N, C-alpha and C. Protein backbone atom coordinates (compact mmCIF):
# COMPACT_ATOMS: atom_id res chain seq x y z
N MET A 1 -22.06 -5.86 0.91
CA MET A 1 -21.55 -4.77 0.10
C MET A 1 -22.21 -3.47 0.54
N VAL A 2 -21.45 -2.40 0.57
CA VAL A 2 -21.96 -1.10 0.98
C VAL A 2 -22.16 -0.26 -0.27
N ASP A 3 -23.36 0.28 -0.43
CA ASP A 3 -23.68 1.11 -1.58
C ASP A 3 -23.81 2.55 -1.11
N LEU A 4 -22.70 3.29 -1.16
CA LEU A 4 -22.67 4.67 -0.69
C LEU A 4 -21.93 5.54 -1.69
N ASP A 5 -22.26 6.82 -1.71
CA ASP A 5 -21.55 7.79 -2.52
C ASP A 5 -20.44 8.39 -1.66
N ALA A 6 -19.27 7.83 -1.74
CA ALA A 6 -18.16 8.22 -0.87
C ALA A 6 -17.55 9.57 -1.25
N ARG A 7 -17.96 10.15 -2.38
CA ARG A 7 -17.40 11.43 -2.80
C ARG A 7 -17.74 12.55 -1.83
N SER A 8 -18.82 12.40 -1.08
CA SER A 8 -19.22 13.46 -0.15
C SER A 8 -18.80 13.15 1.28
N MET A 9 -17.90 12.17 1.44
CA MET A 9 -17.43 11.79 2.77
C MET A 9 -15.91 11.80 2.82
N SER A 10 -15.39 12.00 4.02
CA SER A 10 -13.95 11.83 4.23
C SER A 10 -13.77 10.98 5.48
N VAL A 11 -12.66 10.28 5.52
CA VAL A 11 -12.38 9.36 6.60
C VAL A 11 -10.98 9.62 7.12
N GLU A 12 -10.86 9.72 8.43
CA GLU A 12 -9.55 9.85 9.07
C GLU A 12 -9.38 8.68 10.03
N THR A 13 -8.16 8.21 10.18
CA THR A 13 -7.88 7.13 11.11
C THR A 13 -6.71 7.51 12.01
N SER A 14 -6.81 7.07 13.26
CA SER A 14 -5.73 7.31 14.21
C SER A 14 -5.88 6.36 15.38
N ASP A 15 -4.87 5.55 15.62
CA ASP A 15 -4.82 4.66 16.78
C ASP A 15 -6.09 3.83 16.97
N GLY A 16 -6.58 3.23 15.90
CA GLY A 16 -7.74 2.36 16.00
C GLY A 16 -9.08 3.08 15.96
N THR A 17 -9.06 4.41 15.83
CA THR A 17 -10.30 5.17 15.74
C THR A 17 -10.49 5.68 14.32
N VAL A 18 -11.66 5.46 13.77
CA VAL A 18 -12.03 5.97 12.46
C VAL A 18 -13.00 7.13 12.68
N THR A 19 -12.73 8.26 12.05
CA THR A 19 -13.61 9.42 12.14
C THR A 19 -14.19 9.69 10.76
N LEU A 20 -15.53 9.75 10.70
CA LEU A 20 -16.24 10.00 9.45
C LEU A 20 -16.75 11.43 9.41
N TYR A 21 -16.52 12.11 8.29
CA TYR A 21 -16.99 13.47 8.08
C TYR A 21 -17.72 13.54 6.75
N GLY A 22 -18.63 14.48 6.61
CA GLY A 22 -19.26 14.72 5.33
C GLY A 22 -20.77 14.58 5.39
N ASN A 23 -21.35 14.35 4.21
CA ASN A 23 -22.80 14.30 4.08
C ASN A 23 -23.25 12.99 3.46
N VAL A 24 -24.41 12.54 3.90
CA VAL A 24 -25.08 11.39 3.30
C VAL A 24 -26.51 11.80 3.00
N HIS A 25 -27.24 10.96 2.23
CA HIS A 25 -28.59 11.31 1.80
C HIS A 25 -29.69 10.80 2.72
N SER A 26 -29.36 9.89 3.62
CA SER A 26 -30.41 9.30 4.47
C SER A 26 -29.81 8.70 5.73
N TRP A 27 -30.69 8.43 6.68
CA TRP A 27 -30.28 7.76 7.91
C TRP A 27 -29.69 6.40 7.58
N SER A 28 -30.27 5.72 6.61
CA SER A 28 -29.78 4.40 6.20
C SER A 28 -28.34 4.47 5.71
N GLU A 29 -28.02 5.48 4.90
CA GLU A 29 -26.65 5.64 4.42
C GLU A 29 -25.70 5.93 5.57
N LEU A 30 -26.14 6.73 6.52
CA LEU A 30 -25.32 7.04 7.69
C LEU A 30 -24.99 5.76 8.45
N GLU A 31 -25.98 4.93 8.66
CA GLU A 31 -25.76 3.67 9.38
C GLU A 31 -24.86 2.73 8.59
N LYS A 32 -25.03 2.67 7.27
CA LYS A 32 -24.18 1.81 6.43
C LYS A 32 -22.72 2.24 6.52
N ALA A 33 -22.49 3.54 6.47
CA ALA A 33 -21.12 4.05 6.55
C ALA A 33 -20.48 3.70 7.89
N GLU A 34 -21.26 3.86 8.95
CA GLU A 34 -20.73 3.55 10.28
C GLU A 34 -20.45 2.06 10.42
N ARG A 35 -21.36 1.22 9.94
CA ARG A 35 -21.14 -0.24 10.01
C ARG A 35 -19.91 -0.65 9.21
N ALA A 36 -19.75 -0.06 8.02
CA ALA A 36 -18.59 -0.40 7.18
C ALA A 36 -17.30 -0.02 7.90
N ALA A 37 -17.28 1.14 8.52
CA ALA A 37 -16.09 1.57 9.26
C ALA A 37 -15.80 0.63 10.42
N CYS A 38 -16.83 0.20 11.13
CA CYS A 38 -16.67 -0.71 12.27
C CYS A 38 -16.07 -2.04 11.85
N GLN A 39 -16.35 -2.48 10.65
CA GLN A 39 -15.92 -3.80 10.18
C GLN A 39 -14.51 -3.81 9.62
N ALA A 40 -13.90 -2.65 9.45
CA ALA A 40 -12.53 -2.59 8.92
C ALA A 40 -11.55 -3.18 9.94
N PRO A 41 -10.55 -3.90 9.47
CA PRO A 41 -9.57 -4.50 10.38
C PRO A 41 -8.88 -3.46 11.27
N GLY A 42 -8.77 -3.77 12.54
CA GLY A 42 -8.05 -2.91 13.47
C GLY A 42 -8.85 -1.77 14.07
N VAL A 43 -10.09 -1.60 13.62
CA VAL A 43 -10.90 -0.49 14.14
C VAL A 43 -11.44 -0.86 15.52
N GLN A 44 -11.22 0.02 16.47
CA GLN A 44 -11.71 -0.16 17.82
C GLN A 44 -12.87 0.77 18.14
N GLN A 45 -12.94 1.89 17.41
CA GLN A 45 -13.96 2.90 17.70
C GLN A 45 -14.25 3.71 16.43
N VAL A 46 -15.52 4.14 16.28
CA VAL A 46 -15.90 4.99 15.17
C VAL A 46 -16.51 6.27 15.73
N SER A 47 -16.01 7.39 15.26
CA SER A 47 -16.56 8.70 15.62
C SER A 47 -17.27 9.23 14.38
N ASN A 48 -18.59 9.29 14.44
CA ASN A 48 -19.39 9.61 13.28
C ASN A 48 -19.82 11.08 13.31
N HIS A 49 -19.31 11.85 12.35
CA HIS A 49 -19.66 13.27 12.22
C HIS A 49 -20.39 13.53 10.90
N LEU A 50 -21.03 12.49 10.37
CA LEU A 50 -21.78 12.63 9.12
C LEU A 50 -23.08 13.37 9.39
N THR A 51 -23.52 14.13 8.39
CA THR A 51 -24.81 14.81 8.49
C THR A 51 -25.68 14.35 7.31
N ILE A 52 -26.97 14.39 7.53
CA ILE A 52 -27.93 13.95 6.52
C ILE A 52 -28.43 15.16 5.75
N HIS A 53 -28.24 15.12 4.43
CA HIS A 53 -28.75 16.14 3.52
C HIS A 53 -29.49 15.41 2.40
N PRO A 54 -30.81 15.29 2.52
CA PRO A 54 -31.59 14.53 1.52
C PRO A 54 -31.47 15.06 0.10
């Protein structure tokens, strides 16, 4: 299970690529978001544009 505050993030998908935008509170949250995106069905690539704002 992923414990993230998704209100500060947005996700776009196109042709098997997931792009993450927004803010997270820690490096750990950034990694969790990226891992969750990677595990979604049909995802071939993740482009992570999240920034850390503690």
